[in-house]
């Protein structure tokens, strides 16, 4: 497995990162540990989680993914780069969510306990918080880095202007600065190509995309005529409505059929092709792959060794270009 720099930072991370959002609801602990074992066997050393995972859970299950990961890491913490996130609701009080100083300071201690570690390699803001000034958040993150509890900081689900604002505030106040952004990015969700990815390239930020298979739509798991497959993100608790709204459309299924045809033509599993397409973008640093079983990793992690033919990339670009959204049409 190739290792690359995390943006302008000196830290090296594996080209593919294992996401753990399935751990605790879609996957029980033994299955989650088998997924981690298989990822490790295939060379993955970069692990991503969040305090509010598992996806599709509830306030009662929040934190379970970190706990499962923490137990697996025991005795081998120094062999892996661990990233987690803060923002999600973790309690019933008004201040138990968001990016305020109070919540971040409480949340990082709780994540450290659940992960059973003394430090977090990459601590990311899971979402923007419009009710907290970004300067308050950045000062708190700077304190965490200075204290040694966090090594690097980044953000997820931020728009380009929000990243630019944060970078400017960090530079002006000489505070710790984001080294990475984590956007949703796949063949059916390309709008970040218009502003966020160019910003990341210009500023030297690592790009760590998630949702590479569009919740399984790009793996052929779903058929429009039958509705969402039970037990998947399209039917899973609090995540179902978000995934159906984002991807469940005739246009998406038409594109998936054409992508699957291309995959068959070149002799690849469609999941491998979808991940390889993401990695083909030179702005991408490390792509986050998830799984509900260890066998799924063979197809997705196999993309790390592929170089797609330019003609295939051109065809996929034409098929999915409408999913950039908002491009000027003459």
C-alpha atoms as a PDB file:
ATOM      1  CA  UNK A   1       0.000   0.000   0.000  1.00  0.00           C
ATOM      2  CA  UNK A   2       1.425   3.355  -1.047  1.00  0.00           C
ATOM      3  CA  UNK A   3       1.818   6.016   1.645  1.00  0.00           C
ATOM      4  CA  UNK A   4       1.553   9.724   0.857  1.00  0.00           C
ATOM      5  CA  UNK A   5       1.950  13.021   2.688  1.00  0.00           C
ATOM      6  CA  UNK A   6      -1.090  14.432   4.438  1.00  0.00           C
ATOM      7  CA  UNK A   7      -1.193  17.642   2.421  1.00  0.00           C
ATOM      8  CA  UNK A   8       1.635  19.959   3.429  1.00  0.00           C
ATOM      9  CA  UNK A   9       2.133  18.141   6.741  1.00  0.00           C
ATOM     10  CA  UNK A  10       5.036  15.801   7.287  1.00  0.00           C
ATOM     11  CA  UNK A  11       2.725  12.950   8.283  1.00  0.00           C
ATOM     12  CA  UNK A  12       2.438   9.967   5.915  1.00  0.00           C
ATOM     13  CA  UNK A  13      -0.861   8.097   5.518  1.00  0.00           C
ATOM     14  CA  UNK A  14      -1.900   5.066   3.493  1.00  0.00           C
ATOM     15  CA  UNK A  15      -3.462   5.863   0.116  1.00  0.00           C
ATOM     16  CA  UNK A  16      -6.666   4.175   1.243  1.00  0.00           C
ATOM     17  CA  UNK A  17      -8.210   4.804   4.638  1.00  0.00           C
ATOM     18  CA  UNK A  18     -10.699   2.562   6.431  1.00  0.00           C
ATOM     19  CA  UNK A  19     -13.871   4.305   7.561  1.00  0.00           C
ATOM     20  CA  UNK A  20     -15.648   2.881  10.598  1.00  0.00           C
ATOM     21  CA  UNK A  21     -19.148   4.376  10.355  1.00  0.00           C
ATOM     22  CA  UNK A  22     -20.640   0.874  10.030  1.00  0.00           C
ATOM     23  CA  UNK A  23     -19.165  -0.328  13.319  1.00  0.00           C
ATOM     24  CA  UNK A  24     -21.818  -0.755  15.984  1.00  0.00           C
ATOM     25  CA  UNK A  25     -25.075  -0.788  13.998  1.00  0.00           C
ATOM     26  CA  UNK A  26     -24.516  -2.352  10.576  1.00  0.00           C
ATOM     27  CA  UNK A  27     -21.673  -4.479  11.993  1.00  0.00           C
ATOM     28  CA  UNK A  28     -21.339  -6.068  15.405  1.00  0.00           C
ATOM     29  CA  UNK A  29     -17.979  -5.942  17.173  1.00  0.00           C
ATOM     30  CA  UNK A  30     -16.579  -9.306  15.967  1.00  0.00           C
ATOM     31  CA  UNK A  31     -17.410  -8.389  12.341  1.00  0.00           C
ATOM     32  CA  UNK A  32     -15.921  -4.928  12.803  1.00  0.00           C
ATOM     33  CA  UNK A  33     -12.695  -6.460  14.113  1.00  0.00           C
ATOM     34  CA  UNK A  34     -12.533  -8.841  11.151  1.00  0.00           C
ATOM     35  CA  UNK A  35     -12.890  -5.846   8.815  1.00  0.00           C
ATOM     36  CA  UNK A  36     -10.042  -4.113  10.629  1.00  0.00           C
ATOM     37  CA  UNK A  37      -7.935  -7.266  10.458  1.00  0.00           C
ATOM     38  CA  UNK A  38      -8.469  -7.560   6.694  1.00  0.00           C
ATOM     39  CA  UNK A  39      -7.729  -3.888   6.073  1.00  0.00           C
ATOM     40  CA  UNK A  40      -4.521  -4.196   8.063  1.00  0.00           C
ATOM     41  CA  UNK A  41      -3.505  -7.306   6.090  1.00  0.00           C
ATOM     42  CA  UNK A  42      -3.976  -5.330   2.866  1.00  0.00           C
ATOM     43  CA  UNK A  43      -1.722  -2.502   4.071  1.00  0.00           C
ATOM     44  CA  UNK A  44      -4.164   0.080   5.405  1.00  0.00           C
ATOM     45  CA  UNK A  45      -2.642   2.090   8.264  1.00  0.00           C
ATOM     46  CA  UNK A  46      -5.054   5.065   8.233  1.00  0.00           C
ATOM     47  CA  UNK A  47      -8.320   4.703  10.196  1.00  0.00           C
ATOM     48  CA  UNK A  48     -11.159   7.227  10.289  1.00  0.00           C
ATOM     49  CA  UNK A  49     -14.004   7.434  12.782  1.00  0.00           C
ATOM     50  CA  UNK A  50     -16.165  10.045  14.566  1.00  0.00           C
ATOM     51  CA  UNK A  51     -17.543  10.495  18.058  1.00  0.00           C
ATOM     52  CA  UNK A  52     -21.149  10.272  16.825  1.00  0.00           C
ATOM     53  CA  UNK A  53     -20.669   7.064  14.813  1.00  0.00           C
ATOM     54  CA  UNK A  54     -22.151   4.552  14.031  1.00  0.00           C
ATOM     55  CA  UNK A  55     -24.061   6.018  11.117  1.00  0.00           C
ATOM     56  CA  UNK A  56     -27.802   5.634  11.406  1.00  0.00           C
ATOM     57  CA  UNK A  57     -27.642   5.161  15.156  1.00  0.00           C
ATOM     58  CA  UNK A  58     -29.063   7.237  17.991  1.00  0.00           C
ATOM     59  CA  UNK A  59     -27.877   9.185  21.002  1.00  0.00           C
ATOM     60  CA  UNK A  60     -27.632   5.867  22.851  1.00  0.00           C
ATOM     61  CA  UNK A  61     -25.280   4.334  20.245  1.00  0.00           C
ATOM     62  CA  UNK A  62     -23.119   7.422  19.657  1.00  0.00           C
ATOM     63  CA  UNK A  63     -19.505   6.658  20.516  1.00  0.00           C
ATOM     64  CA  UNK A  64     -19.807   2.925  19.911  1.00  0.00           C
ATOM     65  CA  UNK A  65     -17.619   2.974  16.788  1.00  0.00           C
ATOM     66  CA  UNK A  66     -14.781   4.648  18.665  1.00  0.00           C
ATOM     67  CA  UNK A  67     -15.100   2.083  21.470  1.00  0.00           C
ATOM     68  CA  UNK A  68     -14.945  -0.836  19.024  1.00  0.00           C
ATOM     69  CA  UNK A  69     -11.936   0.677  17.283  1.00  0.00           C
ATOM     70  CA  UNK A  70     -10.220   1.437  20.592  1.00  0.00           C
ATOM     71  CA  UNK A  71     -10.470  -2.161  21.752  1.00  0.00           C
ATOM     72  CA  UNK A  72      -9.028  -3.418  18.452  1.00  0.00           C
ATOM     73  CA  UNK A  73      -6.136  -0.931  18.630  1.00  0.00           C
ATOM     74  CA  UNK A  74      -5.012  -2.076  22.070  1.00  0.00           C
ATOM     75  CA  UNK A  75      -1.354  -3.087  21.904  1.00  0.00           C
ATOM     76  CA  UNK A  76      -0.847  -1.743  18.348  1.00  0.00           C
ATOM     77  CA  UNK A  77      -1.791   1.928  18.578  1.00  0.00           C
ATOM     78  CA  UNK A  78       1.604   3.069  17.266  1.00  0.00           C
ATOM     79  CA  UNK A  79       1.092   1.098  14.021  1.00  0.00           C
ATOM     80  CA  UNK A  80      -1.853   3.222  12.848  1.00  0.00           C
ATOM     81  CA  UNK A  81      -2.844   6.801  12.109  1.00  0.00           C
ATOM     82  CA  UNK A  82      -6.181   7.481  13.809  1.00  0.00           C
ATOM     83  CA  UNK A  83      -8.556  10.237  12.769  1.00  0.00           C
ATOM     84  CA  UNK A  84     -11.797  11.144  14.498  1.00  0.00           C
ATOM     85  CA  UNK A  85     -14.291  14.001  14.410  1.00  0.00           C
ATOM     86  CA  UNK A  86     -16.232  16.320  16.679  1.00  0.00           C
ATOM     87  CA  UNK A  87     -19.532  18.171  16.289  1.00  0.00           C
ATOM     88  CA  UNK A  88     -22.324  15.618  16.669  1.00  0.00           C
ATOM     89  CA  UNK A  89     -24.752  15.567  19.571  1.00  0.00           C
ATOM     90  CA  UNK A  90     -23.320  13.491  22.401  1.00  0.00           C
ATOM     91  CA  UNK A  91     -25.704  14.315  25.238  1.00  0.00           C
ATOM     92  CA  UNK A  92     -29.016  15.894  26.133  1.00  0.00           C
ATOM     93  CA  UNK A  93     -27.779  19.333  27.191  1.00  0.00           C
ATOM     94  CA  UNK A  94     -27.890  22.318  24.858  1.00  0.00           C
ATOM     95  CA  UNK A  95     -24.085  22.506  24.813  1.00  0.00           C
ATOM     96  CA  UNK A  96     -23.489  18.818  24.013  1.00  0.00           C
ATOM     97  CA  UNK A  97     -23.009  19.430  20.285  1.00  0.00           C
ATOM     98  CA  UNK A  98     -21.323  21.812  17.867  1.00  0.00           C
ATOM     99  CA  UNK A  99     -17.890  23.415  17.712  1.00  0.00           C
ATOM    100  CA  UNK A 100     -17.886  25.557  20.856  1.00  0.00           C
ATOM    101  CA  UNK A 101     -14.885  25.579  23.179  1.00  0.00           C
ATOM    102  CA  UNK A 102     -16.926  23.864  25.891  1.00  0.00           C
ATOM    103  CA  UNK A 103     -18.124  21.033  23.660  1.00  0.00           C
ATOM    104  CA  UNK A 104     -14.785  20.396  21.933  1.00  0.00           C
ATOM    105  CA  UNK A 105     -12.867  20.229  25.225  1.00  0.00           C
ATOM    106  CA  UNK A 106     -15.377  17.747  26.629  1.00  0.00           C
ATOM    107  CA  UNK A 107     -15.654  15.771  23.386  1.00  0.00           C
ATOM    108  CA  UNK A 108     -11.925  15.270  22.867  1.00  0.00           C
ATOM    109  CA  UNK A 109     -11.524  13.815  26.362  1.00  0.00           C
ATOM    110  CA  UNK A 110     -14.409  11.426  25.716  1.00  0.00           C
ATOM    111  CA  UNK A 111     -12.938  10.360  22.365  1.00  0.00           C
ATOM    112  CA  UNK A 112      -9.552   9.728  23.964  1.00  0.00           C
ATOM    113  CA  UNK A 113     -11.223   7.514  26.573  1.00  0.00           C
ATOM    114  CA  UNK A 114     -13.246   5.549  24.025  1.00  0.00           C
ATOM    115  CA  UNK A 115     -10.260   5.098  21.723  1.00  0.00           C
ATOM    116  CA  UNK A 116      -8.082   4.197  24.729  1.00  0.00           C
ATOM    117  CA  UNK A 117      -5.276   6.439  23.511  1.00  0.00           C
ATOM    118  CA  UNK A 118      -3.265   9.423  24.731  1.00  0.00           C
ATOM    119  CA  UNK A 119      -3.513  11.344  21.466  1.00  0.00           C
ATOM    120  CA  UNK A 120      -5.468  11.697  18.226  1.00  0.00           C
ATOM    121  CA  UNK A 121      -3.467  11.969  15.006  1.00  0.00           C
ATOM    122  CA  UNK A 122      -6.076  13.942  13.034  1.00  0.00           C
ATOM    123  CA  UNK A 123      -8.941  15.728  14.807  1.00  0.00           C
ATOM    124  CA  UNK A 124     -11.585  17.017  12.416  1.00  0.00           C
ATOM    125  CA  UNK A 125     -14.593  19.294  12.686  1.00  0.00           C
ATOM    126  CA  UNK A 126     -17.365  17.028  11.410  1.00  0.00           C
ATOM    127  CA  UNK A 127     -19.517  19.939  10.238  1.00  0.00           C
ATOM    128  CA  UNK A 128     -19.530  23.730  10.377  1.00  0.00           C
ATOM    129  CA  UNK A 129     -21.249  25.314  13.365  1.00  0.00           C
ATOM    130  CA  UNK A 130     -22.983  28.570  12.374  1.00  0.00           C
ATOM    131  CA  UNK A 131     -23.618  29.425  16.044  1.00  0.00           C
ATOM    132  CA  UNK A 132     -19.952  29.391  17.083  1.00  0.00           C
ATOM    133  CA  UNK A 133     -17.410  31.904  15.758  1.00  0.00           C
ATOM    134  CA  UNK A 134     -14.732  30.053  13.813  1.00  0.00           C
ATOM    135  CA  UNK A 135     -12.058  31.911  15.797  1.00  0.00           C
ATOM    136  CA  UNK A 136     -13.325  30.355  19.054  1.00  0.00           C
ATOM    137  CA  UNK A 137     -13.139  26.919  17.452  1.00  0.00           C
ATOM    138  CA  UNK A 138      -9.654  27.450  16.017  1.00  0.00           C
ATOM    139  CA  UNK A 139      -8.286  28.760  19.325  1.00  0.00           C
ATOM    140  CA  UNK A 140      -9.595  25.611  21.005  1.00  0.00           C
ATOM    141  CA  UNK A 141      -8.040  23.347  18.365  1.00  0.00           C
ATOM    142  CA  UNK A 142      -4.758  25.231  18.720  1.00  0.00           C
ATOM    143  CA  UNK A 143      -4.839  24.558  22.465  1.00  0.00           C
ATOM    144  CA  UNK A 144      -5.359  20.831  21.834  1.00  0.00           C
ATOM    145  CA  UNK A 145      -2.361  20.667  19.506  1.00  0.00           C
ATOM    146  CA  UNK A 146      -0.182  22.638  21.933  1.00  0.00           C
ATOM    147  CA  UNK A 147      -1.200  20.272  24.745  1.00  0.00           C
ATOM    148  CA  UNK A 148      -0.241  17.191  22.705  1.00  0.00           C
ATOM    149  CA  UNK A 149      -3.703  15.627  22.743  1.00  0.00           C
ATOM    150  CA  UNK A 150      -4.088  16.243  18.998  1.00  0.00           C
ATOM    151  CA  UNK A 151      -1.381  16.159  16.330  1.00  0.00           C
ATOM    152  CA  UNK A 152      -3.148  17.718  13.316  1.00  0.00           C
ATOM    153  CA  UNK A 153      -6.575  19.251  12.607  1.00  0.00           C
ATOM    154  CA  UNK A 154      -8.905  19.204   9.638  1.00  0.00           C
ATOM    155  CA  UNK A 155     -12.539  19.591   8.669  1.00  0.00           C
ATOM    156  CA  UNK A 156     -15.317  17.607   7.028  1.00  0.00           C
ATOM    157  CA  UNK A 157     -18.411  18.742   5.112  1.00  0.00           C
ATOM    158  CA  UNK A 158     -17.193  22.359   4.931  1.00  0.00           C
ATOM    159  CA  UNK A 159     -17.931  24.468   1.867  1.00  0.00           C
ATOM    160  CA  UNK A 160     -15.019  26.113   0.098  1.00  0.00           C
ATOM    161  CA  UNK A 161     -15.721  29.574   1.500  1.00  0.00           C
ATOM    162  CA  UNK A 162     -15.856  28.160   5.047  1.00  0.00           C
ATOM    163  CA  UNK A 163     -12.475  26.478   4.604  1.00  0.00           C
ATOM    164  CA  UNK A 164     -10.998  29.669   3.133  1.00  0.00           C
ATOM    165  CA  UNK A 165     -12.344  31.722   6.043  1.00  0.00           C
ATOM    166  CA  UNK A 166     -10.850  29.322   8.581  1.00  0.00           C
ATOM    167  CA  UNK A 167      -7.468  29.290   6.832  1.00  0.00           C
ATOM    168  CA  UNK A 168      -7.425  33.086   6.812  1.00  0.00           C
ATOM    169  CA  UNK A 169      -8.261  33.335  10.500  1.00  0.00           C
ATOM    170  CA  UNK A 170      -5.562  30.780  11.366  1.00  0.00           C
ATOM    171  CA  UNK A 171      -2.930  32.654   9.401  1.00  0.00           C
ATOM    172  CA  UNK A 172      -3.911  36.066  10.799  1.00  0.00           C
ATOM    173  CA  UNK A 173      -3.899  34.861  14.417  1.00  0.00           C
ATOM    174  CA  UNK A 174      -0.992  32.402  14.031  1.00  0.00           C
ATOM    175  CA  UNK A 175      -3.156  29.504  15.116  1.00  0.00           C
ATOM    176  CA  UNK A 176      -3.061  25.869  14.071  1.00  0.00           C
ATOM    177  CA  UNK A 177      -4.446  25.481  10.568  1.00  0.00           C
ATOM    178  CA  UNK A 178      -6.424  22.771   8.803  1.00  0.00           C
ATOM    179  CA  UNK A 179      -4.233  20.251   6.998  1.00  0.00           C
ATOM    180  CA  UNK A 180      -7.144  18.367   5.428  1.00  0.00           C
ATOM    181  CA  UNK A 181     -10.688  18.490   4.141  1.00  0.00           C
ATOM    182  CA  UNK A 182     -13.056  15.515   4.052  1.00  0.00           C
ATOM    183  CA  UNK A 183     -15.810  15.892   1.442  1.00  0.00           C
ATOM    184  CA  UNK A 184     -18.379  13.492   0.072  1.00  0.00           C
ATOM    185  CA  UNK A 185     -17.068  12.614  -3.398  1.00  0.00           C
ATOM    186  CA  UNK A 186     -17.943   9.942  -5.935  1.00  0.00           C
ATOM    187  CA  UNK A 187     -19.122   9.477  -9.518  1.00  0.00           C
ATOM    188  CA  UNK A 188     -22.640  10.578  -8.537  1.00  0.00           C
ATOM    189  CA  UNK A 189     -21.605  13.497  -6.297  1.00  0.00           C
ATOM    190  CA  UNK A 190     -19.094  15.757  -8.018  1.00  0.00           C
ATOM    191  CA  UNK A 191     -20.052  19.328  -7.102  1.00  0.00           C
ATOM    192  CA  UNK A 192     -16.993  19.846  -4.885  1.00  0.00           C
ATOM    193  CA  UNK A 193     -14.849  19.743  -8.037  1.00  0.00           C
ATOM    194  CA  UNK A 194     -16.011  23.267  -8.796  1.00  0.00           C
ATOM    195  CA  UNK A 195     -14.639  25.125  -5.757  1.00  0.00           C
ATOM    196  CA  UNK A 196     -13.465  23.010  -2.808  1.00  0.00           C
ATOM    197  CA  UNK A 197     -11.018  20.766  -4.662  1.00  0.00           C
ATOM    198  CA  UNK A 198      -9.314  23.677  -6.489  1.00  0.00           C
ATOM    199  CA  UNK A 199      -8.999  25.492  -3.156  1.00  0.00           C
ATOM    200  CA  UNK A 200      -7.459  22.414  -1.550  1.00  0.00           C
ATOM    201  CA  UNK A 201      -4.973  22.062  -4.383  1.00  0.00           C
ATOM    202  CA  UNK A 202      -3.936  25.717  -4.195  1.00  0.00           C
ATOM    203  CA  UNK A 203      -3.589  25.692  -0.396  1.00  0.00           C
ATOM    204  CA  UNK A 204      -1.887  22.297  -0.192  1.00  0.00           C
ATOM    205  CA  UNK A 205      -4.672  20.665   1.819  1.00  0.00           C
ATOM    206  CA  UNK A 206      -5.055  16.910   1.933  1.00  0.00           C
ATOM    207  CA  UNK A 207      -8.347  15.724   0.427  1.00  0.00           C
ATOM    208  CA  UNK A 208      -9.866  12.668   2.125  1.00  0.00           C
ATOM    209  CA  UNK A 209     -13.120  11.840   0.310  1.00  0.00           C
ATOM    210  CA  UNK A 210     -15.779   9.576   1.777  1.00  0.00           C
ATOM    211  CA  UNK A 211     -18.895   7.846   0.421  1.00  0.00           C
ATOM    212  CA  UNK A 212     -16.983   6.563  -2.621  1.00  0.00           C
ATOM    213  CA  UNK A 213     -19.722   4.052  -3.545  1.00  0.00           C
ATOM    214  CA  UNK A 214     -22.664   6.401  -2.963  1.00  0.00           C
ATOM    215  CA  UNK A 215     -23.980   4.326  -0.084  1.00  0.00           C
ATOM    216  CA  UNK A 216     -23.691   1.120  -2.118  1.00  0.00           C
ATOM    217  CA  UNK A 217     -25.501   2.404  -5.196  1.00  0.00           C
ATOM    218  CA  UNK A 218     -22.272   2.170  -7.189  1.00  0.00           C
ATOM    219  CA  UNK A 219     -21.699  -1.406  -6.082  1.00  0.00           C
ATOM    220  CA  UNK A 220     -24.949  -2.581  -7.655  1.00  0.00           C
ATOM    221  CA  UNK A 221     -26.533  -3.290  -4.276  1.00  0.00           C
ATOM    222  CA  UNK A 222     -29.828  -1.560  -5.106  1.00  0.00           C
ATOM    223  CA  UNK A 223     -32.461  -1.778  -7.836  1.00  0.00           C
ATOM    224  CA  UNK A 224     -34.762   1.170  -8.393  1.00  0.00           C
ATOM    225  CA  UNK A 225     -37.801  -1.006  -9.093  1.00  0.00           C
ATOM    226  CA  UNK A 226     -37.432  -2.899  -5.802  1.00  0.00           C
ATOM    227  CA  UNK A 227     -36.635   0.055  -3.589  1.00  0.00           C
ATOM    228  CA  UNK A 228     -33.750   0.373  -1.130  1.00  0.00           C
ATOM    229  CA  UNK A 229     -32.188  -2.848   0.109  1.00  0.00           C
ATOM    230  CA  UNK A 230     -32.978  -3.452   3.806  1.00  0.00           C
ATOM    231  CA  UNK A 231     -30.096  -3.056   6.227  1.00  0.00           C
ATOM    232  CA  UNK A 232     -28.238  -0.525   4.079  1.00  0.00           C
ATOM    233  CA  UNK A 233     -27.668   3.193   4.543  1.00  0.00           C
ATOM    234  CA  UNK A 234     -30.764   3.886   2.427  1.00  0.00           C
ATOM    235  CA  UNK A 235     -32.942   2.286   5.128  1.00  0.00           C
ATOM    236  CA  UNK A 236     -30.807   2.838   8.214  1.00  0.00           C
ATOM    237  CA  UNK A 237     -32.393   4.988  10.917  1.00  0.00           C
ATOM    238  CA  UNK A 238     -31.389   8.632  10.797  1.00  0.00           C
ATOM    239  CA  UNK A 239     -29.266   8.130   7.655  1.00  0.00           C
ATOM    240  CA  UNK A 240     -32.026   6.801   5.368  1.00  0.00           C
ATOM    241  CA  UNK A 241     -33.642  10.087   4.372  1.00  0.00           C
ATOM    242  CA  UNK A 242     -30.274  11.760   3.687  1.00  0.00           C
ATOM    243  CA  UNK A 243     -29.083   8.966   1.397  1.00  0.00           C
ATOM    244  CA  UNK A 244     -32.355   8.645  -0.476  1.00  0.00           C
ATOM    245  CA  UNK A 245     -32.519  12.399  -1.017  1.00  0.00           C
ATOM    246  CA  UNK A 246     -28.908  12.531  -2.202  1.00  0.00           C
ATOM    247  CA  UNK A 247     -28.840   9.570  -4.591  1.00  0.00           C
ATOM    248  CA  UNK A 248     -32.186   7.869  -5.208  1.00  0.00           C
ATOM    249  CA  UNK A 249     -33.224   9.226  -8.615  1.00  0.00           C
ATOM    250  CA  UNK A 250     -33.732   7.956 -12.168  1.00  0.00           C
ATOM    251  CA  UNK A 251     -30.673   9.952 -13.264  1.00  0.00           C
ATOM    252  CA  UNK A 252     -28.474   8.181 -10.709  1.00  0.00           C
ATOM    253  CA  UNK A 253     -29.662   4.718 -11.705  1.00  0.00           C
ATOM    254  CA  UNK A 254     -29.183   5.492 -15.379  1.00  0.00           C
ATOM    255  CA  UNK A 255     -25.600   6.576 -14.678  1.00  0.00           C
ATOM    256  CA  UNK A 256     -24.953   3.501 -12.525  1.00  0.00           C
ATOM    257  CA  UNK A 257     -26.091   1.233 -15.375  1.00  0.00           C
ATOM    258  CA  UNK A 258     -23.674   2.921 -17.787  1.00  0.00           C
ATOM    259  CA  UNK A 259     -20.831   2.780 -15.237  1.00  0.00           C
ATOM    260  CA  UNK A 260     -21.508  -0.927 -14.635  1.00  0.00           C
ATOM    261  CA  UNK A 261     -21.407  -1.537 -18.386  1.00  0.00           C
ATOM    262  CA  UNK A 262     -18.000   0.147 -18.550  1.00  0.00           C
ATOM    263  CA  UNK A 263     -16.772  -1.975 -15.635  1.00  0.00           C
ATOM    264  CA  UNK A 264     -17.854  -5.172 -17.376  1.00  0.00           C
ATOM    265  CA  UNK A 265     -16.176  -4.063 -20.597  1.00  0.00           C
ATOM    266  CA  UNK A 266     -12.780  -3.592 -18.913  1.00  0.00           C
ATOM    267  CA  UNK A 267     -13.168  -6.586 -16.587  1.00  0.00           C
ATOM    268  CA  UNK A 268     -13.396  -4.856 -13.220  1.00  0.00           C
ATOM    269  CA  UNK A 269     -15.909  -5.009 -10.377  1.00  0.00           C
ATOM    270  CA  UNK A 270     -17.906  -1.798 -10.506  1.00  0.00           C
ATOM    271  CA  UNK A 271     -16.865  -1.001  -6.914  1.00  0.00           C
ATOM    272  CA  UNK A 272     -13.199  -1.213  -7.905  1.00  0.00           C
ATOM    273  CA  UNK A 273     -13.794   1.070 -10.867  1.00  0.00           C
ATOM    274  CA  UNK A 274     -15.651   3.622  -8.732  1.00  0.00           C
ATOM    275  CA  UNK A 275     -12.836   3.825  -6.167  1.00  0.00           C
ATOM    276  CA  UNK A 276     -10.138   3.886  -8.860  1.00  0.00           C
ATOM    277  CA  UNK A 277     -11.931   6.826 -10.494  1.00  0.00           C
ATOM    278  CA  UNK A 278     -11.769   8.795  -7.233  1.00  0.00           C
ATOM    279  CA  UNK A 279      -8.067   8.003  -6.813  1.00  0.00           C
ATOM    280  CA  UNK A 280      -7.364   9.066 -10.403  1.00  0.00           C
ATOM    281  CA  UNK A 281      -7.985  12.689  -9.440  1.00  0.00           C
ATOM    282  CA  UNK A 282      -4.522  14.066  -8.576  1.00  0.00           C
ATOM    283  CA  UNK A 283      -6.007  16.289  -5.859  1.00  0.00           C
ATOM    284  CA  UNK A 284      -7.112  13.266  -3.824  1.00  0.00           C
ATOM    285  CA  UNK A 285      -4.724  12.298  -1.016  1.00  0.00           C
ATOM    286  CA  UNK A 286      -6.334   9.243   0.564  1.00  0.00           C
ATOM    287  CA  UNK A 287      -9.787   7.838  -0.104  1.00  0.00           C
ATOM    288  CA  UNK A 288     -11.956   6.515   2.737  1.00  0.00           C
ATOM    289  CA  UNK A 289     -13.554   3.122   2.117  1.00  0.00           C
ATOM    290  CA  UNK A 290     -16.123   1.501   4.360  1.00  0.00           C
ATOM    291  CA  UNK A 291     -17.424  -2.051   4.627  1.00  0.00           C
ATOM    292  CA  UNK A 292     -20.084  -4.131   6.310  1.00  0.00           C
ATOM    293  CA  UNK A 293     -17.993  -7.285   5.879  1.00  0.00           C
ATOM    294  CA  UNK A 294     -14.281  -8.046   5.337  1.00  0.00           C
ATOM    295  CA  UNK A 295     -14.792  -9.579   1.882  1.00  0.00           C
ATOM    296  CA  UNK A 296     -15.977  -6.226   0.502  1.00  0.00           C
ATOM    297  CA  UNK A 297     -12.507  -4.768   1.024  1.00  0.00           C
ATOM    298  CA  UNK A 298     -10.903  -6.934  -1.647  1.00  0.00           C
ATOM    299  CA  UNK A 299     -12.726  -5.020  -4.406  1.00  0.00           C
ATOM    300  CA  UNK A 300     -12.390  -1.529  -2.986  1.00  0.00           C
ATOM    301  CA  UNK A 301      -8.806  -1.757  -1.739  1.00  0.00           C
ATOM    302  CA  UNK A 302      -7.789  -3.358  -5.025  1.00  0.00           C
ATOM    303  CA  UNK A 303      -8.287   0.041  -6.640  1.00  0.00           C
ATOM    304  CA  UNK A 304      -5.069   1.288  -5.043  1.00  0.00           C
ATOM    305  CA  UNK A 305      -3.029  -0.691  -7.571  1.00  0.00           C
ATOM    306  CA  UNK A 306      -4.920   0.484 -10.669  1.00  0.00           C
ATOM    307  CA  UNK A 307      -4.212   3.138 -13.251  1.00  0.00           C
ATOM    308  CA  UNK A 308      -7.279   3.710 -15.412  1.00  0.00           C
ATOM    309  CA  UNK A 309      -6.916   4.255 -19.147  1.00  0.00           C
ATOM    310  CA  UNK A 310      -7.467   7.913 -20.161  1.00  0.00           C
ATOM    311  CA  UNK A 311     -10.233   6.818 -22.535  1.00  0.00           C
ATOM    312  CA  UNK A 312     -12.097   5.176 -19.631  1.00  0.00           C
ATOM    313  CA  UNK A 313     -11.694   8.295 -17.504  1.00  0.00           C
ATOM    314  CA  UNK A 314     -12.969  10.457 -20.340  1.00  0.00           C
ATOM    315  CA  UNK A 315     -16.018   8.223 -20.797  1.00  0.00           C
ATOM    316  CA  UNK A 316     -16.832   8.232 -17.070  1.00  0.00           C
ATOM    317  CA  UNK A 317     -16.461  11.998 -16.992  1.00  0.00           C
ATOM    318  CA  UNK A 318     -19.008  12.389 -19.792  1.00  0.00           C
ATOM    319  CA  UNK A 319     -21.445   9.956 -18.146  1.00  0.00           C
ATOM    320  CA  UNK A 320     -21.343  11.649 -14.740  1.00  0.00           C
ATOM    321  CA  UNK A 321     -20.545  15.272 -15.537  1.00  0.00           C
ATOM    322  CA  UNK A 322     -24.163  16.377 -14.840  1.00  0.00           C
ATOM    323  CA  UNK A 323     -23.530  15.456 -11.187  1.00  0.00           C
ATOM    324  CA  UNK A 324     -21.128  18.372 -10.847  1.00  0.00           C
ATOM    325  CA  UNK A 325     -24.245  20.603 -10.768  1.00  0.00           C
ATOM    326  CA  UNK A 326     -24.208  24.307 -11.404  1.00  0.00           C
ATOM    327  CA  UNK A 327     -21.734  24.282 -14.295  1.00  0.00           C
ATOM    328  CA  UNK A 328     -22.366  27.083 -16.748  1.00  0.00           C
ATOM    329  CA  UNK A 329     -24.152  25.972 -19.908  1.00  0.00           C
ATOM    330  CA  UNK A 330     -23.700  28.015 -23.067  1.00  0.00           C
END
